[in-house]
Structure formats: structure tokens, C-alpha cells
Amino acid sequence: SVPFDFDKPGASLKVEGTWPIPPLYGPGYSGIWKALYDRFG
């Protein structure tokens, strides 16, 4: 009865802000995550 749309993947949103832990002098969340998105186009 769970309305999975298997053409559009998803995962659990029961999550806490465990990663990343941005260092005091950067990069911040945006810099860290954007580097990963850029890595894989």
C-alpha cells in the first residue's frame, strides 16, 4: 500500500545533520556539497 514510484528513487528522511561538520574557516555546507555535485556532473 506504500505509494512507491520506482521510476523516481527516494530514501528515508528520518535523518539528523550528522554530515558534514563544516570547519570553522570553511568551506561550509554549500561548498562541501557543491564539490560533490560538481565531481559527478
PDB file of all heavy atoms in Angstrom:
ATOM      1  N   SER A   1       0.813  -1.219   0.000  1.00  0.00           N
ATOM      2  CA  SER A   1       0.000   0.000   0.000  1.00  0.00           C
ATOM      3  C   SER A   1       0.844   1.266   0.000  1.00  0.00           C
ATOM      4  O   SER A   1       0.321   2.371  -0.151  1.00  0.00           O
ATOM      5  CB  SER A   1      -0.934   0.016   1.214  1.00  0.00           C
ATOM      6  OG  SER A   1      -0.191   0.178   2.423  1.00  0.00           O
ATOM      7  N   VAL A   2       2.158   1.138   0.165  1.00  0.00           N
ATOM      8  CA  VAL A   2       3.040   2.305   0.143  1.00  0.00           C
ATOM      9  C   VAL A   2       3.175   2.772  -1.308  1.00  0.00           C
ATOM     10  O   VAL A   2       3.507   1.979  -2.188  1.00  0.00           O
ATOM     11  CB  VAL A   2       4.428   1.971   0.723  1.00  0.00           C
ATOM     12  CG1 VAL A   2       5.322   3.203   0.692  1.00  0.00           C
ATOM     13  CG2 VAL A   2       4.290   1.440   2.148  1.00  0.00           C
ATOM     14  N   PRO A   3       2.920   4.051  -1.594  1.00  0.00           N
ATOM     15  CA  PRO A   3       2.907   4.516  -2.986  1.00  0.00           C
ATOM     16  C   PRO A   3       4.303   4.784  -3.553  1.00  0.00           C
ATOM     17  O   PRO A   3       4.643   5.905  -3.937  1.00  0.00           O
ATOM     18  CB  PRO A   3       2.078   5.797  -2.917  1.00  0.00           C
ATOM     19  CG  PRO A   3       2.355   6.332  -1.544  1.00  0.00           C
ATOM     20  CD  PRO A   3       2.491   5.113  -0.654  1.00  0.00           C
ATOM     21  N   PHE A   4       5.130   3.753  -3.613  1.00  0.00           N
ATOM     22  CA  PHE A   4       6.452   3.908  -4.209  1.00  0.00           C
ATOM     23  C   PHE A   4       6.315   4.223  -5.693  1.00  0.00           C
ATOM     24  O   PHE A   4       5.524   3.602  -6.401  1.00  0.00           O
ATOM     25  CB  PHE A   4       7.264   2.620  -4.069  1.00  0.00           C
ATOM     26  CG  PHE A   4       7.623   2.243  -2.663  1.00  0.00           C
ATOM     27  CD1 PHE A   4       7.082   1.107  -2.082  1.00  0.00           C
ATOM     28  CD2 PHE A   4       8.504   3.006  -1.931  1.00  0.00           C
ATOM     29  CE1 PHE A   4       7.421   0.745  -0.785  1.00  0.00           C
ATOM     30  CE2 PHE A   4       8.839   2.660  -0.630  1.00  0.00           C
ATOM     31  CZ  PHE A   4       8.296   1.515  -0.059  1.00  0.00           C
ATOM     32  N   ASP A   5       7.093   5.185  -6.160  1.00  0.00           N
ATOM     33  CA  ASP A   5       7.240   5.422  -7.592  1.00  0.00           C
ATOM     34  C   ASP A   5       8.652   4.968  -7.935  1.00  0.00           C
ATOM     35  O   ASP A   5       9.620   5.707  -7.737  1.00  0.00           O
ATOM     36  CB  ASP A   5       7.045   6.895  -7.925  1.00  0.00           C
ATOM     37  CG  ASP A   5       7.189   7.195  -9.419  1.00  0.00           C
ATOM     38  OD1 ASP A   5       7.584   6.273 -10.165  1.00  0.00           O
ATOM     39  OD2 ASP A   5       6.929   8.331  -9.824  1.00  0.00           O
ATOM     40  N   PHE A   6       8.772   3.758  -8.436  1.00  0.00           N
ATOM     41  CA  PHE A   6      10.092   3.175  -8.614  1.00  0.00           C
ATOM     42  C   PHE A   6      10.887   3.826  -9.738  1.00  0.00           C
ATOM     43  O   PHE A   6      12.089   3.585  -9.874  1.00  0.00           O
ATOM     44  CB  PHE A   6       9.972   1.656  -8.825  1.00  0.00           C
ATOM     45  CG  PHE A   6       9.583   0.926  -7.574  1.00  0.00           C
ATOM     46  CD1 PHE A   6       8.269   0.545  -7.352  1.00  0.00           C
ATOM     47  CD2 PHE A   6      10.522   0.648  -6.598  1.00  0.00           C
ATOM     48  CE1 PHE A   6       7.909  -0.111  -6.188  1.00  0.00           C
ATOM     49  CE2 PHE A   6      10.175  -0.003  -5.428  1.00  0.00           C
ATOM     50  CZ  PHE A   6       8.859  -0.395  -5.223  1.00  0.00           C
ATOM     51  N   ASP A   7      10.239   4.669 -10.544  1.00  0.00           N
ATOM     52  CA  ASP A   7      10.980   5.413 -11.561  1.00  0.00           C
ATOM     53  C   ASP A   7      11.723   6.605 -10.967  1.00  0.00           C
ATOM     54  O   ASP A   7      12.623   7.159 -11.601  1.00  0.00           O
ATOM     55  CB  ASP A   7      10.024   5.920 -12.657  1.00  0.00           C
ATOM     56  CG  ASP A   7       9.507   4.782 -13.522  1.00  0.00           C
ATOM     57  OD1 ASP A   7      10.257   3.817 -13.748  1.00  0.00           O
ATOM     58  OD2 ASP A   7       8.345   4.853 -13.966  1.00  0.00           O
ATOM     59  N   LYS A   8      11.323   7.017  -9.762  1.00  0.00           N
ATOM     60  CA  LYS A   8      11.946   8.163  -9.104  1.00  0.00           C
ATOM     61  C   LYS A   8      12.428   7.722  -7.731  1.00  0.00           C
ATOM     62  O   LYS A   8      11.653   7.658  -6.789  1.00  0.00           O
ATOM     63  CB  LYS A   8      10.950   9.325  -8.981  1.00  0.00           C
ATOM     64  CG  LYS A   8      10.505   9.889 -10.327  1.00  0.00           C
ATOM     65  CD  LYS A   8       9.534  11.036 -10.134  1.00  0.00           C
ATOM     66  CE  LYS A   8       9.102  11.625 -11.478  1.00  0.00           C
ATOM     67  NZ  LYS A   8       8.139  12.737 -11.305  1.00  0.00           N
ATOM     68  N   PRO A   9      13.707   7.431  -7.604  1.00  0.00           N
ATOM     69  CA  PRO A   9      14.194   6.860  -6.349  1.00  0.00           C
ATOM     70  C   PRO A   9      14.106   7.823  -5.181  1.00  0.00           C
ATOM     71  O   PRO A   9      14.137   9.044  -5.341  1.00  0.00           O
ATOM     72  CB  PRO A   9      15.654   6.518  -6.669  1.00  0.00           C
ATOM     73  CG  PRO A   9      16.031   7.466  -7.765  1.00  0.00           C
ATOM     74  CD  PRO A   9      14.787   7.631  -8.586  1.00  0.00           C
ATOM     75  N   GLY A  10      13.982   7.244  -3.997  1.00  0.00           N
ATOM     76  CA  GLY A  10      13.954   8.024  -2.766  1.00  0.00           C
ATOM     77  C   GLY A  10      14.546   7.209  -1.640  1.00  0.00           C
ATOM     78  O   GLY A  10      14.938   6.050  -1.817  1.00  0.00           O
ATOM     79  N   ALA A  11      14.605   7.808  -0.469  1.00  0.00           N
ATOM     80  CA  ALA A  11      15.185   7.143   0.693  1.00  0.00           C
ATOM     81  C   ALA A  11      14.602   7.765   1.956  1.00  0.00           C
ATOM     82  O   ALA A  11      13.795   8.696   1.903  1.00  0.00           O
ATOM     83  CB  ALA A  11      16.710   7.261   0.673  1.00  0.00           C
ATOM     84  N   SER A  12      15.027   7.242   3.088  1.00  0.00           N
ATOM     85  CA  SER A  12      14.477   7.660   4.370  1.00  0.00           C
ATOM     86  C   SER A  12      14.861   9.099   4.706  1.00  0.00           C
ATOM     87  O   SER A  12      16.030   9.487   4.629  1.00  0.00           O
ATOM     88  CB  SER A  12      14.986   6.732   5.473  1.00  0.00           C
ATOM     89  OG  SER A  12      14.585   7.208   6.742  1.00  0.00           O
ATOM     90  N   LEU A  13      13.853   9.873   5.101  1.00  0.00           N
ATOM     91  CA  LEU A  13      14.075  11.246   5.560  1.00  0.00           C
ATOM     92  C   LEU A  13      14.179  11.331   7.087  1.00  0.00           C
ATOM     93  O   LEU A  13      14.220  12.418   7.644  1.00  0.00           O
ATOM     94  CB  LEU A  13      12.955  12.153   5.058  1.00  0.00           C
ATOM     95  CG  LEU A  13      12.967  12.395   3.545  1.00  0.00           C
ATOM     96  CD1 LEU A  13      11.673  13.069   3.098  1.00  0.00           C
ATOM     97  CD2 LEU A  13      14.166  13.229   3.144  1.00  0.00           C
ATOM     98  N   LYS A  14      14.214  10.163   7.731  1.00  0.00           N
ATOM     99  CA  LYS A  14      14.410  10.145   9.178  1.00  0.00           C
ATOM    100  C   LYS A  14      15.910  10.278   9.440  1.00  0.00           C
ATOM    101  O   LYS A  14      16.634   9.302   9.646  1.00  0.00           O
ATOM    102  CB  LYS A  14      13.869   8.843   9.779  1.00  0.00           C
ATOM    103  CG  LYS A  14      13.873   8.821  11.291  1.00  0.00           C
ATOM    104  CD  LYS A  14      13.266   7.536  11.828  1.00  0.00           C
ATOM    105  CE  LYS A  14      13.263   7.538  13.356  1.00  0.00           C
ATOM    106  NZ  LYS A  14      12.711   6.265  13.895  1.00  0.00           N
ATOM    107  N   VAL A  15      16.367  11.510   9.383  1.00  0.00           N
ATOM    108  CA  VAL A  15      17.805  11.757   9.395  1.00  0.00           C
ATOM    109  C   VAL A  15      18.117  12.995  10.222  1.00  0.00           C
ATOM    110  O   VAL A  15      17.277  13.884  10.369  1.00  0.00           O
ATOM    111  CB  VAL A  15      18.312  11.918   7.929  1.00  0.00           C
ATOM    112  CG1 VAL A  15      17.739  13.164   7.295  1.00  0.00           C
ATOM    113  CG2 VAL A  15      19.823  11.929   7.849  1.00  0.00           C
ATOM    114  N   GLU A  16      19.315  13.023  10.778  1.00  0.00           N
ATOM    115  CA  GLU A  16      19.803  14.182  11.513  1.00  0.00           C
ATOM    116  C   GLU A  16      21.004  14.755  10.768  1.00  0.00           C
ATOM    117  O   GLU A  16      21.524  14.144   9.837  1.00  0.00           O
ATOM    118  CB  GLU A  16      20.188  13.772  12.937  1.00  0.00           C
ATOM    119  CG  GLU A  16      19.011  13.228  13.752  1.00  0.00           C
ATOM    120  CD  GLU A  16      19.440  12.750  15.119  1.00  0.00           C
ATOM    121  OE1 GLU A  16      20.658  12.753  15.406  1.00  0.00           O
ATOM    122  OE2 GLU A  16      18.559  12.362  15.906  1.00  0.00           O
ATOM    123  N   GLY A  17      21.431  15.927  11.166  1.00  0.00           N
ATOM    124  CA  GLY A  17      22.533  16.595  10.480  1.00  0.00           C
ATOM    125  C   GLY A  17      23.883  16.048  10.873  1.00  0.00           C
ATOM    126  O   GLY A  17      24.745  16.771  11.378  1.00  0.00           O
ATOM    127  N   THR A  18      24.080  14.756  10.600  1.00  0.00           N
ATOM    128  CA  THR A  18      25.305  14.087  11.038  1.00  0.00           C
ATOM    129  C   THR A  18      26.502  14.398  10.152  1.00  0.00           C
ATOM    130  O   THR A  18      27.658  14.246  10.585  1.00  0.00           O
ATOM    131  CB  THR A  18      25.085  12.565  11.053  1.00  0.00           C
ATOM    132  OG1 THR A  18      24.485  12.159   9.810  1.00  0.00           O
ATOM    133  CG2 THR A  18      24.148  12.168  12.188  1.00  0.00           C
ATOM    134  N   TRP A  19      26.248  14.783   8.899  1.00  0.00           N
ATOM    135  CA  TRP A  19      27.344  15.031   7.956  1.00  0.00           C
ATOM    136  C   TRP A  19      26.892  16.068   6.950  1.00  0.00           C
ATOM    137  O   TRP A  19      25.735  16.043   6.522  1.00  0.00           O
ATOM    138  CB  TRP A  19      27.728  13.731   7.228  1.00  0.00           C
ATOM    139  CG  TRP A  19      29.041  13.834   6.501  1.00  0.00           C
ATOM    140  CD1 TRP A  19      30.262  13.479   6.976  1.00  0.00           C
ATOM    141  CD2 TRP A  19      29.271  14.367   5.181  1.00  0.00           C
ATOM    142  NE1 TRP A  19      31.242  13.750   6.039  1.00  0.00           N
ATOM    143  CE2 TRP A  19      30.645  14.299   4.922  1.00  0.00           C
ATOM    144  CE3 TRP A  19      28.439  14.905   4.194  1.00  0.00           C
ATOM    145  CZ2 TRP A  19      31.215  14.725   3.733  1.00  0.00           C
ATOM    146  CZ3 TRP A  19      28.999  15.346   3.014  1.00  0.00           C
ATOM    147  CH2 TRP A  19      30.374  15.243   2.787  1.00  0.00           C
ATOM    148  N   PRO A  20      27.772  16.988   6.543  1.00  0.00           N
ATOM    149  CA  PRO A  20      29.132  17.216   7.034  1.00  0.00           C
ATOM    150  C   PRO A  20      29.128  18.045   8.314  1.00  0.00           C
ATOM    151  O   PRO A  20      28.087  18.564   8.730  1.00  0.00           O
ATOM    152  CB  PRO A  20      29.771  17.998   5.891  1.00  0.00           C
ATOM    153  CG  PRO A  20      28.626  18.807   5.319  1.00  0.00           C
ATOM    154  CD  PRO A  20      27.435  17.906   5.422  1.00  0.00           C
ATOM    155  N   ILE A  21      30.295  18.189   8.904  1.00  0.00           N
ATOM    156  CA  ILE A  21      30.514  19.112  10.019  1.00  0.00           C
ATOM    157  C   ILE A  21      31.476  20.178   9.499  1.00  0.00           C
ATOM    158  O   ILE A  21      32.706  19.988   9.505  1.00  0.00           O
ATOM    159  CB  ILE A  21      31.098  18.398  11.251  1.00  0.00           C
ATOM    160  CG1 ILE A  21      30.215  17.223  11.659  1.00  0.00           C
ATOM    161  CG2 ILE A  21      31.247  19.399  12.404  1.00  0.00           C
ATOM    162  CD1 ILE A  21      28.807  17.620  12.091  1.00  0.00           C
ATOM    163  N   PRO A  22      30.964  21.293   8.991  1.00  0.00           N
ATOM    164  CA  PRO A  22      31.843  22.288   8.354  1.00  0.00           C
ATOM    165  C   PRO A  22      32.878  22.837   9.338  1.00  0.00           C
ATOM    166  O   PRO A  22      32.553  23.142  10.487  1.00  0.00           O
ATOM    167  CB  PRO A  22      30.868  23.383   7.904  1.00  0.00           C
ATOM    168  CG  PRO A  22      29.543  22.689   7.777  1.00  0.00           C
ATOM    169  CD  PRO A  22      29.547  21.667   8.878  1.00  0.00           C
ATOM    170  N   PRO A  23      34.127  22.954   8.902  1.00  0.00           N
ATOM    171  CA  PRO A  23      35.161  23.524   9.772  1.00  0.00           C
ATOM    172  C   PRO A  23      34.936  25.022   9.969  1.00  0.00           C
ATOM    173  O   PRO A  23      34.251  25.676   9.185  1.00  0.00           O
ATOM    174  CB  PRO A  23      36.457  23.254   9.005  1.00  0.00           C
ATOM    175  CG  PRO A  23      36.037  23.153   7.578  1.00  0.00           C
ATOM    176  CD  PRO A  23      34.662  22.553   7.589  1.00  0.00           C
ATOM    177  N   LEU A  24      35.543  25.547  11.034  1.00  0.00           N
ATOM    178  CA  LEU A  24      35.330  26.940  11.428  1.00  0.00           C
ATOM    179  C   LEU A  24      35.623  27.919  10.291  1.00  0.00           C
ATOM    180  O   LEU A  24      34.891  28.885  10.085  1.00  0.00           O
ATOM    181  CB  LEU A  24      36.207  27.266  12.641  1.00  0.00           C
ATOM    182  CG  LEU A  24      36.105  28.680  13.203  1.00  0.00           C
ATOM    183  CD1 LEU A  24      34.681  28.970  13.677  1.00  0.00           C
ATOM    184  CD2 LEU A  24      37.099  28.854  14.352  1.00  0.00           C
ATOM    185  N   TYR A  25      36.674  27.673   9.525  1.00  0.00           N
ATOM    186  CA  TYR A  25      37.090  28.618   8.484  1.00  0.00           C
ATOM    187  C   TYR A  25      36.679  28.170   7.077  1.00  0.00           C
ATOM    188  O   TYR A  25      37.229  28.656   6.084  1.00  0.00           O
ATOM    189  CB  TYR A  25      38.601  28.837   8.569  1.00  0.00           C
ATOM    190  CG  TYR A  25      39.017  29.442   9.888  1.00  0.00           C
ATOM    191  CD1 TYR A  25      39.690  28.691  10.846  1.00  0.00           C
ATOM    192  CD2 TYR A  25      38.696  30.768  10.203  1.00  0.00           C
ATOM    193  CE1 TYR A  25      40.050  29.236  12.068  1.00  0.00           C
ATOM    194  CE2 TYR A  25      39.050  31.324  11.420  1.00  0.00           C
ATOM    195  CZ  TYR A  25      39.723  30.561  12.355  1.00  0.00           C
ATOM    196  OH  TYR A  25      40.071  31.104  13.565  1.00  0.00           O
ATOM    197  N   GLY A  26      35.698  27.257   7.006  1.00  0.00           N
ATOM    198  CA  GLY A  26      35.166  26.830   5.719  1.00  0.00           C
ATOM    199  C   GLY A  26      35.979  25.710   5.087  1.00  0.00           C
ATOM    200  O   GLY A  26      37.050  25.355   5.574  1.00  0.00           O
ATOM    201  N   PRO A  27      35.410  25.141   4.020  1.00  0.00           N
ATOM    202  CA  PRO A  27      34.143  25.509   3.383  1.00  0.00           C
ATOM    203  C   PRO A  27      32.926  25.124   4.216  1.00  0.00           C
ATOM    204  O   PRO A  27      33.019  24.273   5.097  1.00  0.00           O
ATOM    205  CB  PRO A  27      34.184  24.722   2.067  1.00  0.00           C
ATOM    206  CG  PRO A  27      35.002  23.510   2.396  1.00  0.00           C
ATOM    207  CD  PRO A  27      36.051  23.985   3.349  1.00  0.00           C
ATOM    208  N   GLY A  28      31.786  25.776   3.906  1.00  0.00           N
ATOM    209  CA  GLY A  28      30.556  25.479   4.595  1.00  0.00           C
ATOM    210  C   GLY A  28      29.801  24.346   3.916  1.00  0.00           C
ATOM    211  O   GLY A  28      30.319  23.649   3.046  1.00  0.00           O
ATOM    212  N   TYR A  29      28.539  24.190   4.323  1.00  0.00           N
ATOM    213  CA  TYR A  29      27.705  23.137   3.731  1.00  0.00           C
ATOM    214  C   TYR A  29      27.653  23.258   2.210  1.00  0.00           C
ATOM    215  O   TYR A  29      27.799  22.270   1.485  1.00  0.00           O
ATOM    216  CB  TYR A  29      26.283  23.218   4.292  1.00  0.00           C
ATOM    217  CG  TYR A  29      26.125  22.712   5.692  1.00  0.00           C
ATOM    218  CD1 TYR A  29      26.111  23.592   6.772  1.00  0.00           C
ATOM    219  CD2 TYR A  29      25.965  21.358   5.948  1.00  0.00           C
ATOM    220  CE1 TYR A  29      25.950  23.136   8.069  1.00  0.00           C
ATOM    221  CE2 TYR A  29      25.805  20.891   7.243  1.00  0.00           C
ATOM    222  CZ  TYR A  29      25.792  21.777   8.303  1.00  0.00           C
ATOM    223  OH  TYR A  29      25.635  21.312   9.590  1.00  0.00           O
ATOM    224  N   SER A  30      27.420  24.478   1.725  1.00  0.00           N
ATOM    225  CA  SER A  30      27.286  24.660   0.277  1.00  0.00           C
ATOM    226  C   SER A  30      28.569  24.281  -0.453  1.00  0.00           C
ATOM    227  O   SER A  30      28.537  23.598  -1.481  1.00  0.00           O
ATOM    228  CB  SER A  30      26.912  26.108  -0.049  1.00  0.00           C
ATOM    229  OG  SER A  30      25.580  26.395   0.324  1.00  0.00           O
ATOM    230  N   GLY A  31      29.707  24.710   0.074  1.00  0.00           N
ATOM    231  CA  GLY A  31      30.966  24.413  -0.578  1.00  0.00           C
ATOM    232  C   GLY A  31      31.277  22.927  -0.616  1.00  0.00           C
ATOM    233  O   GLY A  31      31.785  22.404  -1.615  1.00  0.00           O
ATOM    234  N   ILE A  32      30.972  22.260   0.481  1.00  0.00           N
ATOM    235  CA  ILE A  32      31.247  20.821   0.565  1.00  0.00           C
ATOM    236  C   ILE A  32      30.328  20.042  -0.375  1.00  0.00           C
ATOM    237  O   ILE A  32      30.783  19.223  -1.186  1.00  0.00           O
ATOM    238  CB  ILE A  32      31.096  20.334   2.019  1.00  0.00           C
ATOM    239  CG1 ILE A  32      32.212  20.929   2.881  1.00  0.00           C
ATOM    240  CG2 ILE A  32      31.098  18.811   2.090  1.00  0.00           C
ATOM    241  CD1 ILE A  32      32.009  20.752   4.375  1.00  0.00           C
ATOM    242  N   TRP A  33      29.022  20.287  -0.283  1.00  0.00           N
ATOM    243  CA  TRP A  33      28.091  19.538  -1.122  1.00  0.00           C
ATOM    244  C   TRP A  33      28.265  19.878  -2.600  1.00  0.00           C
ATOM    245  O   TRP A  33      28.217  18.993  -3.461  1.00  0.00           O
ATOM    246  CB  TRP A  33      26.652  19.798  -0.682  1.00  0.00           C
ATOM    247  CG  TRP A  33      26.206  18.969   0.485  1.00  0.00           C
ATOM    248  CD1 TRP A  33      25.856  19.416   1.728  1.00  0.00           C
ATOM    249  CD2 TRP A  33      26.071  17.540   0.529  1.00  0.00           C
ATOM    250  NE1 TRP A  33      25.507  18.367   2.543  1.00  0.00           N
ATOM    251  CE2 TRP A  33      25.627  17.204   1.826  1.00  0.00           C
ATOM    252  CE3 TRP A  33      26.278  16.527  -0.387  1.00  0.00           C
ATOM    253  CZ2 TRP A  33      25.394  15.883   2.216  1.00  0.00           C
ATOM    254  CZ3 TRP A  33      26.040  15.206   0.000  1.00  0.00           C
ATOM    255  CH2 TRP A  33      25.601  14.895   1.284  1.00  0.00           C
ATOM    256  N   LYS A  34      28.495  21.144  -2.922  1.00  0.00           N
ATOM    257  CA  LYS A  34      28.640  21.520  -4.330  1.00  0.00           C
ATOM    258  C   LYS A  34      29.858  20.834  -4.958  1.00  0.00           C
ATOM    259  O   LYS A  34      29.834  20.455  -6.145  1.00  0.00           O
ATOM    260  CB  LYS A  34      28.757  23.030  -4.489  1.00  0.00           C
ATOM    261  CG  LYS A  34      28.705  23.492  -5.955  1.00  0.00           C
ATOM    262  CD  LYS A  34      28.719  25.001  -6.074  1.00  0.00           C
ATOM    263  CE  LYS A  34      28.531  25.437  -7.521  1.00  0.00           C
ATOM    264  NZ  LYS A  34      29.514  24.863  -8.452  1.00  0.00           N
ATOM    265  N   ALA A  35      30.908  20.644  -4.176  1.00  0.00           N
ATOM    266  CA  ALA A  35      32.085  19.957  -4.701  1.00  0.00           C
ATOM    267  C   ALA A  35      31.744  18.534  -5.136  1.00  0.00           C
ATOM    268  O   ALA A  35      32.268  18.037  -6.142  1.00  0.00           O
ATOM    269  CB  ALA A  35      33.184  19.927  -3.640  1.00  0.00           C
ATOM    270  N   LEU A  36      30.838  17.900  -4.395  1.00  0.00           N
ATOM    271  CA  LEU A  36      30.438  16.541  -4.751  1.00  0.00           C
ATOM    272  C   LEU A  36      29.539  16.528  -5.981  1.00  0.00           C
ATOM    273  O   LEU A  36      29.707  15.683  -6.873  1.00  0.00           O
ATOM    274  CB  LEU A  36      29.730  15.882  -3.565  1.00  0.00           C
ATOM    275  CG  LEU A  36      30.638  15.559  -2.376  1.00  0.00           C
ATOM    276  CD1 LEU A  36      29.813  15.191  -1.157  1.00  0.00           C
ATOM    277  CD2 LEU A  36      31.601  14.422  -2.734  1.00  0.00           C
ATOM    278  N   TYR A  37      28.595  17.438  -6.045  1.00  0.00           N
ATOM    279  CA  TYR A  37      27.734  17.515  -7.233  1.00  0.00           C
ATOM    280  C   TYR A  37      28.565  17.823  -8.475  1.00  0.00           C
ATOM    281  O   TYR A  37      28.346  17.248  -9.546  1.00  0.00           O
ATOM    282  CB  TYR A  37      26.640  18.565  -7.029  1.00  0.00           C
ATOM    283  CG  TYR A  37      25.503  18.066  -6.156  1.00  0.00           C
ATOM    284  CD1 TYR A  37      25.635  18.037  -4.772  1.00  0.00           C
ATOM    285  CD2 TYR A  37      24.317  17.629  -6.716  1.00  0.00           C
ATOM    286  CE1 TYR A  37      24.613  17.569  -3.968  1.00  0.00           C
ATOM    287  CE2 TYR A  37      23.281  17.160  -5.918  1.00  0.00           C
ATOM    288  CZ  TYR A  37      23.432  17.131  -4.540  1.00  0.00           C
ATOM    289  OH  TYR A  37      22.421  16.655  -3.728  1.00  0.00           O
ATOM    290  N   ASP A  38      29.515  18.722  -8.342  1.00  0.00           N
ATOM    291  CA  ASP A  38      30.389  19.045  -9.470  1.00  0.00           C
ATOM    292  C   ASP A  38      31.228  17.838  -9.882  1.00  0.00           C
ATOM    293  O   ASP A  38      31.463  17.621 -11.086  1.00  0.00           O
ATOM    294  CB  ASP A  38      31.310  20.215  -9.110  1.00  0.00           C
ATOM    295  CG  ASP A  38      30.571  21.541  -9.004  1.00  0.00           C
ATOM    296  OD1 ASP A  38      29.404  21.605  -9.424  1.00  0.00           O
ATOM    297  OD2 ASP A  38      31.178  22.494  -8.477  1.00  0.00           O
ATOM    298  N   ARG A  39      31.679  17.071  -8.923  1.00  0.00           N
ATOM    299  CA  ARG A  39      32.502  15.892  -9.223  1.00  0.00           C
ATOM    300  C   ARG A  39      31.792  14.959 -10.201  1.00  0.00           C
ATOM    301  O   ARG A  39      32.406  14.376 -11.103  1.00  0.00           O
ATOM    302  CB  ARG A  39      32.832  15.159  -7.911  1.00  0.00           C
ATOM    303  CG  ARG A  39      33.262  13.694  -8.034  1.00  0.00           C
ATOM    304  CD  ARG A  39      34.630  13.515  -8.673  1.00  0.00           C
ATOM    305  NE  ARG A  39      35.694  14.167  -7.928  1.00  0.00           N
ATOM    306  CZ  ARG A  39      36.375  13.595  -6.933  1.00  0.00           C
ATOM    307  NH1 ARG A  39      36.112  12.354  -6.579  1.00  0.00           N
ATOM    308  NH2 ARG A  39      37.337  14.261  -6.323  1.00  0.00           N
ATOM    309  N   PHE A  40      30.472  14.815 -10.024  1.00  0.00           N
ATOM    310  CA  PHE A  40      29.730  13.844 -10.828  1.00  0.00           C
ATOM    311  C   PHE A  40      28.852  14.499 -11.894  1.00  0.00           C
ATOM    312  O   PHE A  40      27.984  13.843 -12.471  1.00  0.00           O
ATOM    313  CB  PHE A  40      28.894  12.951  -9.898  1.00  0.00           C
ATOM    314  CG  PHE A  40      29.737  12.237  -8.875  1.00  0.00           C
ATOM    315  CD1 PHE A  40      29.645  12.563  -7.523  1.00  0.00           C
ATOM    316  CD2 PHE A  40      30.650  11.278  -9.270  1.00  0.00           C
ATOM    317  CE1 PHE A  40      30.434  11.918  -6.587  1.00  0.00           C
ATOM    318  CE2 PHE A  40      31.453  10.630  -8.337  1.00  0.00           C
ATOM    319  CZ  PHE A  40      31.343  10.951  -6.990  1.00  0.00           C
ATOM    320  N   GLY A  41      29.094  15.784 -12.163  1.00  0.00           N
ATOM    321  CA  GLY A  41      28.367  16.459 -13.233  1.00  0.00           C
ATOM    322  C   GLY A  41      26.887  16.628 -12.950  1.00  0.00           C
ATOM    323  O   GLY A  41      26.062  16.597 -13.875  1.00  0.00           O
TER     324      GLY A  41
END
